[in-house]
Amino acid sequence: MLILAGIAAAGAAIFLSAGSQPATACNRTAGCAMDALQEGHDMMQDGRAAENMRAAQENINAFKRQQAADEAAIRARSARK
């Protein structure tokens, strides 16, 4: 479920950022927004989206471990005082 939410969020970010490009960036009939949607679809099909979600989850876990270690160090220093 978390992976689906992440993929949906990534797709929404790609879709929303597609409109932020200058108008001269793409002059095809379908436009750049379709390119962004196609890229998101391709990422889901070839596994890049799942790979990126795993990497993101690893970063979150590493951040939480570092945060816990920092808090433990602060508690240890304040206990010595």
PDB file of N, CA and C in Angstrom:
ATOM      1  N   MET A   1       0.825  -1.187   0.000  1.00  0.00           N
ATOM      2  CA  MET A   1       0.000   0.000   0.000  1.00  0.00           C
ATOM      3  C   MET A   1       0.869   1.251   0.000  1.00  0.00           C
ATOM      4  N   LEU A   2       1.958   1.200   0.784  1.00  0.00           N
ATOM      5  CA  LEU A   2       2.871   2.342   0.835  1.00  0.00           C
ATOM      6  C   LEU A   2       3.507   2.586  -0.525  1.00  0.00           C
ATOM      7  N   ILE A   3       3.821   1.501  -1.225  1.00  0.00           N
ATOM      8  CA  ILE A   3       4.438   1.643  -2.545  1.00  0.00           C
ATOM      9  C   ILE A   3       3.461   2.307  -3.504  1.00  0.00           C
ATOM     10  N   LEU A   4       2.195   1.890  -3.478  1.00  0.00           N
ATOM     11  CA  LEU A   4       1.210   2.501  -4.362  1.00  0.00           C
ATOM     12  C   LEU A   4       1.035   3.981  -4.062  1.00  0.00           C
ATOM     13  N   ALA A   5       1.043   4.330  -2.784  1.00  0.00           N
ATOM     14  CA  ALA A   5       0.917   5.746  -2.415  1.00  0.00           C
ATOM     15  C   ALA A   5       2.120   6.524  -2.909  1.00  0.00           C
ATOM     16  N   GLY A   6       3.296   5.934  -2.797  1.00  0.00           N
ATOM     17  CA  GLY A   6       4.506   6.609  -3.276  1.00  0.00           C
ATOM     18  C   GLY A   6       4.501   6.775  -4.776  1.00  0.00           C
ATOM     19  N   ILE A   7       4.072   5.734  -5.488  1.00  0.00           N
ATOM     20  CA  ILE A   7       4.006   5.824  -6.943  1.00  0.00           C
ATOM     21  C   ILE A   7       2.998   6.886  -7.357  1.00  0.00           C
ATOM     22  N   ALA A   8       1.864   6.918  -6.674  1.00  0.00           N
ATOM     23  CA  ALA A   8       0.858   7.928  -6.977  1.00  0.00           C
ATOM     24  C   ALA A   8       1.402   9.329  -6.713  1.00  0.00           C
ATOM     25  N   ALA A   9       2.127   9.490  -5.609  1.00  0.00           N
ATOM     26  CA  ALA A   9       2.706  10.802  -5.289  1.00  0.00           C
ATOM     27  C   ALA A   9       3.749  11.192  -6.324  1.00  0.00           C
ATOM     28  N   ALA A  10       4.579  10.236  -6.731  1.00  0.00           N
ATOM     29  CA  ALA A  10       5.595  10.528  -7.744  1.00  0.00           C
ATOM     30  C   ALA A  10       4.937  10.887  -9.071  1.00  0.00           C
ATOM     31  N   GLY A  11       3.881  10.152  -9.422  1.00  0.00           N
ATOM     32  CA  GLY A  11       3.168  10.458 -10.659  1.00  0.00           C
ATOM     33  C   GLY A  11       2.537  11.839 -10.618  1.00  0.00           C
ATOM     34  N   ALA A  12       1.960  12.174  -9.472  1.00  0.00           N
ATOM     35  CA  ALA A  12       1.350  13.500  -9.327  1.00  0.00           C
ATOM     36  C   ALA A  12       2.407  14.595  -9.426  1.00  0.00           C
ATOM     37  N   ALA A  13       3.576  14.352  -8.825  1.00  0.00           N
ATOM     38  CA  ALA A  13       4.647  15.352  -8.891  1.00  0.00           C
ATOM     39  C   ALA A  13       5.111  15.543 -10.324  1.00  0.00           C
ATOM     40  N   ILE A  14       5.250  14.441 -11.047  1.00  0.00           N
ATOM     41  CA  ILE A  14       5.660  14.544 -12.454  1.00  0.00           C
ATOM     42  C   ILE A  14       4.595  15.284 -13.248  1.00  0.00           C
ATOM     43  N   PHE A  15       3.336  14.915 -13.026  1.00  0.00           N
ATOM     44  CA  PHE A  15       2.251  15.551 -13.765  1.00  0.00           C
ATOM     45  C   PHE A  15       2.176  17.040 -13.465  1.00  0.00           C
ATOM     46  N   LEU A  16       2.277  17.411 -12.194  1.00  0.00           N
ATOM     47  CA  LEU A  16       2.175  18.821 -11.824  1.00  0.00           C
ATOM     48  C   LEU A  16       3.372  19.621 -12.300  1.00  0.00           C
ATOM     49  N   SER A  17       4.566  19.004 -12.314  1.00  0.00           N
ATOM     50  CA  SER A  17       5.747  19.739 -12.753  1.00  0.00           C
ATOM     51  C   SER A  17       5.786  19.886 -14.266  1.00  0.00           C
ATOM     52  N   ALA A  18       5.010  19.069 -14.974  1.00  0.00           N
ATOM     53  CA  ALA A  18       5.011  19.154 -16.436  1.00  0.00           C
ATOM     54  C   ALA A  18       4.525  20.520 -16.898  1.00  0.00           C
ATOM     55  N   GLY A  19       3.598  21.125 -16.189  1.00  0.00           N
ATOM     56  CA  GLY A  19       3.085  22.426 -16.572  1.00  0.00           C
ATOM     57  C   GLY A  19       4.013  23.572 -16.231  1.00  0.00           C
ATOM     58  N   SER A  20       5.063  23.305 -15.456  1.00  0.00           N
ATOM     59  CA  SER A  20       5.958  24.380 -15.059  1.00  0.00           C
ATOM     60  C   SER A  20       7.040  24.657 -16.093  1.00  0.00           C
ATOM     61  N   GLN A  21       7.110  23.830 -17.134  1.00  0.00           N
ATOM     62  CA  GLN A  21       8.111  24.027 -18.181  1.00  0.00           C
ATOM     63  C   GLN A  21       7.697  25.188 -19.083  1.00  0.00           C
ATOM     64  N   PRO A  22       8.670  25.876 -19.684  1.00  0.00           N
ATOM     65  CA  PRO A  22       8.322  26.959 -20.606  1.00  0.00           C
ATOM     66  C   PRO A  22       7.507  26.413 -21.781  1.00  0.00           C
ATOM     67  N   ALA A  23       6.657  27.246 -22.336  1.00  0.00           N
ATOM     68  CA  ALA A  23       5.795  26.827 -23.441  1.00  0.00           C
ATOM     69  C   ALA A  23       6.599  26.424 -24.665  1.00  0.00           C
ATOM     70  N   THR A  24       7.782  26.958 -24.830  1.00  0.00           N
ATOM     71  CA  THR A  24       8.598  26.645 -26.001  1.00  0.00           C
ATOM     72  C   THR A  24       9.332  25.324 -25.864  1.00  0.00           C
ATOM     73  N   ALA A  25       9.225  24.660 -24.710  1.00  0.00           N
ATOM     74  CA  ALA A  25       9.961  23.420 -24.500  1.00  0.00           C
ATOM     75  C   ALA A  25       9.425  22.292 -25.367  1.00  0.00           C
ATOM     76  N   CYS A  26       8.182  22.335 -25.756  1.00  0.00           N
ATOM     77  CA  CYS A  26       7.583  21.239 -26.517  1.00  0.00           C
ATOM     78  C   CYS A  26       6.483  21.805 -27.402  1.00  0.00           C
ATOM     79  N   ASN A  27       6.544  21.500 -28.676  1.00  0.00           N
ATOM     80  CA  ASN A  27       5.505  22.032 -29.567  1.00  0.00           C
ATOM     81  C   ASN A  27       4.779  20.916 -30.316  1.00  0.00           C
ATOM     82  N   ARG A  28       4.888  19.676 -29.825  1.00  0.00           N
ATOM     83  CA  ARG A  28       4.162  18.573 -30.451  1.00  0.00           C
ATOM     84  C   ARG A  28       2.691  18.641 -30.079  1.00  0.00           C
ATOM     85  N   THR A  29       1.871  17.921 -30.795  1.00  0.00           N
ATOM     86  CA  THR A  29       0.427  17.944 -30.569  1.00  0.00           C
ATOM     87  C   THR A  29       0.067  17.482 -29.163  1.00  0.00           C
ATOM     88  N   ALA A  30       0.661  16.361 -28.722  1.00  0.00           N
ATOM     89  CA  ALA A  30       0.337  15.828 -27.398  1.00  0.00           C
ATOM     90  C   ALA A  30       0.941  16.676 -26.293  1.00  0.00           C
ATOM     91  N   GLY A  31       2.043  17.323 -26.563  1.00  0.00           N
ATOM     92  CA  GLY A  31       2.657  18.199 -25.583  1.00  0.00           C
ATOM     93  C   GLY A  31       3.543  17.470 -24.586  1.00  0.00           C
ATOM     94  N   CYS A  32       4.230  18.255 -23.771  1.00  0.00           N
ATOM     95  CA  CYS A  32       5.182  17.718 -22.810  1.00  0.00           C
ATOM     96  C   CYS A  32       4.510  16.985 -21.660  1.00  0.00           C
ATOM     97  N   ALA A  33       3.288  17.336 -21.345  1.00  0.00           N
ATOM     98  CA  ALA A  33       2.594  16.657 -20.252  1.00  0.00           C
ATOM     99  C   ALA A  33       2.447  15.175 -20.561  1.00  0.00           C
ATOM    100  N   MET A  34       2.173  14.848 -21.803  1.00  0.00           N
ATOM    101  CA  MET A  34       2.049  13.435 -22.185  1.00  0.00           C
ATOM    102  C   MET A  34       3.400  12.730 -22.063  1.00  0.00           C
ATOM    103  N   ASP A  35       4.492  13.438 -22.367  1.00  0.00           N
ATOM    104  CA  ASP A  35       5.826  12.850 -22.183  1.00  0.00           C
ATOM    105  C   ASP A  35       6.054  12.493 -20.727  1.00  0.00           C
ATOM    106  N   ALA A  36       5.665  13.383 -19.823  1.00  0.00           N
ATOM    107  CA  ALA A  36       5.849  13.138 -18.386  1.00  0.00           C
ATOM    108  C   ALA A  36       4.994  11.958 -17.935  1.00  0.00           C
ATOM    109  N   LEU A  37       3.766  11.890 -18.422  1.00  0.00           N
ATOM    110  CA  LEU A  37       2.899  10.763 -18.071  1.00  0.00           C
ATOM    111  C   LEU A  37       3.467   9.454 -18.615  1.00  0.00           C
ATOM    112  N   GLN A  38       3.970   9.488 -19.853  1.00  0.00           N
ATOM    113  CA  GLN A  38       4.546   8.284 -20.452  1.00  0.00           C
ATOM    114  C   GLN A  38       5.785   7.843 -19.682  1.00  0.00           C
ATOM    115  N   GLU A  39       6.608   8.798 -19.272  1.00  0.00           N
ATOM    116  CA  GLU A  39       7.800   8.459 -18.504  1.00  0.00           C
ATOM    117  C   GLU A  39       7.411   7.808 -17.171  1.00  0.00           C
ATOM    118  N   GLY A  40       6.390   8.338 -16.511  1.00  0.00           N
ATOM    119  CA  GLY A  40       5.914   7.741 -15.264  1.00  0.00           C
ATOM    120  C   GLY A  40       5.404   6.330 -15.487  1.00  0.00           C
ATOM    121  N   HIS A  41       4.675   6.133 -16.566  1.00  0.00           N
ATOM    122  CA  HIS A  41       4.164   4.794 -16.895  1.00  0.00           C
ATOM    123  C   HIS A  41       5.327   3.842 -17.186  1.00  0.00           C
ATOM    124  N   ASP A  42       6.294   4.305 -17.961  1.00  0.00           N
ATOM    125  CA  ASP A  42       7.460   3.473 -18.283  1.00  0.00           C
ATOM    126  C   ASP A  42       8.225   3.091 -17.021  1.00  0.00           C
ATOM    127  N   MET A  43       8.357   4.037 -16.095  1.00  0.00           N
ATOM    128  CA  MET A  43       9.067   3.749 -14.844  1.00  0.00           C
ATOM    129  C   MET A  43       8.352   2.661 -14.049  1.00  0.00           C
ATOM    130  N   MET A  44       7.022   2.673 -14.064  1.00  0.00           N
ATOM    131  CA  MET A  44       6.277   1.643 -13.347  1.00  0.00           C
ATOM    132  C   MET A  44       6.431   0.288 -14.042  1.00  0.00           C
ATOM    133  N   GLN A  45       6.474   0.295 -15.363  1.00  0.00           N
ATOM    134  CA  GLN A  45       6.556  -0.955 -16.111  1.00  0.00           C
ATOM    135  C   GLN A  45       7.924  -1.609 -16.022  1.00  0.00           C
ATOM    136  N   ASP A  46       9.001  -0.808 -16.055  1.00  0.00           N
ATOM    137  CA  ASP A  46      10.342  -1.412 -16.070  1.00  0.00           C
ATOM    138  C   ASP A  46      10.977  -1.544 -14.689  1.00  0.00           C
ATOM    139  N   GLY A  47      10.241  -1.168 -13.636  1.00  0.00           N
ATOM    140  CA  GLY A  47      10.733  -1.395 -12.284  1.00  0.00           C
ATOM    141  C   GLY A  47      11.490  -0.237 -11.659  1.00  0.00           C
ATOM    142  N   ARG A  48      11.737   0.815 -12.421  1.00  0.00           N
ATOM    143  CA  ARG A  48      12.468   1.954 -11.849  1.00  0.00           C
ATOM    144  C   ARG A  48      11.697   2.604 -10.716  1.00  0.00           C
ATOM    145  N   ALA A  49      10.371   2.651 -10.813  1.00  0.00           N
ATOM    146  CA  ALA A  49       9.571   3.281  -9.753  1.00  0.00           C
ATOM    147  C   ALA A  49       9.714   2.499  -8.456  1.00  0.00           C
ATOM    148  N   ALA A  50       9.613   1.172  -8.539  1.00  0.00           N
ATOM    149  CA  ALA A  50       9.750   0.348  -7.336  1.00  0.00           C
ATOM    150  C   ALA A  50      11.154   0.458  -6.756  1.00  0.00           C
ATOM    151  N   GLU A  51      12.143   0.497  -7.628  1.00  0.00           N
ATOM    152  CA  GLU A  51      13.537   0.642  -7.171  1.00  0.00           C
ATOM    153  C   GLU A  51      13.738   1.979  -6.454  1.00  0.00           C
ATOM    154  N   ASN A  52      13.175   3.033  -7.018  1.00  0.00           N
ATOM    155  CA  ASN A  52      13.291   4.355  -6.392  1.00  0.00           C
ATOM    156  C   ASN A  52      12.532   4.417  -5.075  1.00  0.00           C
ATOM    157  N   MET A  53      11.395   3.733  -4.999  1.00  0.00           N
ATOM    158  CA  MET A  53      10.652   3.707  -3.738  1.00  0.00           C
ATOM    159  C   MET A  53      11.438   2.955  -2.663  1.00  0.00           C
ATOM    160  N   ARG A  54      12.097   1.853  -3.040  1.00  0.00           N
ATOM    161  CA  ARG A  54      12.928   1.122  -2.072  1.00  0.00           C
ATOM    162  C   ARG A  54      14.077   2.005  -1.588  1.00  0.00           C
ATOM    163  N   ALA A  55      14.715   2.705  -2.518  1.00  0.00           N
ATOM    164  CA  ALA A  55      15.815   3.586  -2.138  1.00  0.00           C
ATOM    165  C   ALA A  55      15.325   4.698  -1.214  1.00  0.00           C
ATOM    166  N   ALA A  56      14.160   5.237  -1.502  1.00  0.00           N
ATOM    167  CA  ALA A  56      13.597   6.294  -0.660  1.00  0.00           C
ATOM    168  C   ALA A  56      13.297   5.756   0.739  1.00  0.00           C
ATOM    169  N   GLN A  57      12.747   4.543   0.813  1.00  0.00           N
ATOM    170  CA  GLN A  57      12.446   3.950   2.118  1.00  0.00           C
ATOM    171  C   GLN A  57      13.736   3.701   2.900  1.00  0.00           C
ATOM    172  N   GLU A  58      14.793   3.275   2.218  1.00  0.00           N
ATOM    173  CA  GLU A  58      16.087   3.093   2.882  1.00  0.00           C
ATOM    174  C   GLU A  58      16.608   4.419   3.428  1.00  0.00           C
ATOM    175  N   ASN A  59      16.420   5.506   2.678  1.00  0.00           N
ATOM    176  CA  ASN A  59      16.842   6.825   3.151  1.00  0.00           C
ATOM    177  C   ASN A  59      16.040   7.241   4.378  1.00  0.00           C
ATOM    178  N   ILE A  60      14.747   6.973   4.367  1.00  0.00           N
ATOM    179  CA  ILE A  60      13.908   7.303   5.523  1.00  0.00           C
ATOM    180  C   ILE A  60      14.372   6.527   6.744  1.00  0.00           C
ATOM    181  N   ASN A  61      14.620   5.222   6.555  1.00  0.00           N
ATOM    182  CA  ASN A  61      15.071   4.392   7.672  1.00  0.00           C
ATOM    183  C   ASN A  61      16.431   4.859   8.199  1.00  0.00           C
ATOM    184  N   ALA A  62      17.344   5.223   7.301  1.00  0.00           N
ATOM    185  CA  ALA A  62      18.654   5.719   7.730  1.00  0.00           C
ATOM    186  C   ALA A  62      18.497   7.025   8.508  1.00  0.00           C
ATOM    187  N   PHE A  63      17.607   7.899   8.057  1.00  0.00           N
ATOM    188  CA  PHE A  63      17.360   9.152   8.759  1.00  0.00           C
ATOM    189  C   PHE A  63      16.821   8.886  10.164  1.00  0.00           C
ATOM    190  N   LYS A  64      15.875   7.952  10.263  1.00  0.00           N
ATOM    191  CA  LYS A  64      15.306   7.637  11.579  1.00  0.00           C
ATOM    192  C   LYS A  64      16.358   7.039  12.507  1.00  0.00           C
ATOM    193  N   ARG A  65      17.232   6.175  11.973  1.00  0.00           N
ATOM    194  CA  ARG A  65      18.308   5.615  12.804  1.00  0.00           C
ATOM    195  C   ARG A  65      19.258   6.711  13.276  1.00  0.00           C
ATOM    196  N   GLN A  66      19.604   7.634  12.382  1.00  0.00           N
ATOM    197  CA  GLN A  66      20.494   8.731  12.757  1.00  0.00           C
ATOM    198  C   GLN A  66      19.831   9.632  13.791  1.00  0.00           C
ATOM    199  N   GLN A  67      18.563   9.906  13.601  1.00  0.00           N
ATOM    200  CA  GLN A  67      17.821  10.740  14.545  1.00  0.00           C
ATOM    201  C   GLN A  67      17.786  10.083  15.925  1.00  0.00           C
ATOM    202  N   ALA A  68      17.551   8.775  15.971  1.00  0.00           N
ATOM    203  CA  ALA A  68      17.523   8.052  17.247  1.00  0.00           C
ATOM    204  C   ALA A  68      18.903   8.066  17.899  1.00  0.00           C
ATOM    205  N   ALA A  69      19.952   7.908  17.103  1.00  0.00           N
ATOM    206  CA  ALA A  69      21.307   7.942  17.643  1.00  0.00           C
ATOM    207  C   ALA A  69      21.634   9.326  18.202  1.00  0.00           C
ATOM    208  N   ASP A  70      21.231  10.366  17.491  1.00  0.00           N
ATOM    209  CA  ASP A  70      21.465  11.734  17.967  1.00  0.00           C
ATOM    210  C   ASP A  70      20.728  11.985  19.289  1.00  0.00           C
ATOM    211  N   GLU A  71      19.481  11.530  19.353  1.00  0.00           N
ATOM    212  CA  GLU A  71      18.704  11.719  20.581  1.00  0.00           C
ATOM    213  C   GLU A  71      19.313  10.940  21.745  1.00  0.00           C
ATOM    214  N   ALA A  72      19.815   9.741  21.474  1.00  0.00           N
ATOM    215  CA  ALA A  72      20.458   8.938  22.516  1.00  0.00           C
ATOM    216  C   ALA A  72      21.727   9.627  23.005  1.00  0.00           C
ATOM    217  N   ALA A  73      22.483  10.223  22.090  1.00  0.00           N
ATOM    218  CA  ALA A  73      23.707  10.927  22.476  1.00  0.00           C
ATOM    219  C   ALA A  73      23.368  12.145  23.330  1.00  0.00           C
ATOM    220  N   ILE A  74      22.311  12.845  22.996  1.00  0.00           N
ATOM    221  CA  ILE A  74      21.902  14.017  23.779  1.00  0.00           C
ATOM    222  C   ILE A  74      21.476  13.575  25.180  1.00  0.00           C
ATOM    223  N   ARG A  75      20.714  12.478  25.254  1.00  0.00           N
ATOM    224  CA  ARG A  75      20.289  11.979  26.562  1.00  0.00           C
ATOM    225  C   ARG A  75      21.491  11.547  27.387  1.00  0.00           C
ATOM    226  N   ALA A  76      22.474  10.912  26.760  1.00  0.00           N
ATOM    227  CA  ALA A  76      23.661  10.453  27.478  1.00  0.00           C
ATOM    228  C   ALA A  76      24.466  11.637  28.004  1.00  0.00           C
ATOM    229  N   ARG A  77      24.572  12.681  27.201  1.00  0.00           N
ATOM    230  CA  ARG A  77      25.309  13.883  27.657  1.00  0.00           C
ATOM    231  C   ARG A  77      24.599  14.575  28.799  1.00  0.00           C
ATOM    232  N   SER A  78      23.282  14.654  28.717  1.00  0.00           N
ATOM    233  CA  SER A  78      22.549  15.343  29.792  1.00  0.00           C
ATOM    234  C   SER A  78      22.521  14.496  31.055  1.00  0.00           C
ATOM    235  N   ALA A  79      22.625  13.177  30.938  1.00  0.00           N
ATOM    236  CA  ALA A  79      22.671  12.312  32.128  1.00  0.00           C
ATOM    237  C   ALA A  79      24.006  12.438  32.844  1.00  0.00           C
ATOM    238  N   ARG A  80      25.078  12.777  32.137  1.00  0.00           N
ATOM    239  CA  ARG A  80      26.412  12.923  32.740  1.00  0.00           C
ATOM    240  C   ARG A  80      26.550  14.238  33.486  1.00  0.00           C
ATOM    241  N   LYS A  81      25.720  15.192  33.205  1.00  0.00           N
ATOM    242  CA  LYS A  81      25.870  16.530  33.810  1.00  0.00           C
ATOM    243  C   LYS A  81      25.426  16.553  35.232  1.00  0.00           C
TER     244      LYS A  81
END
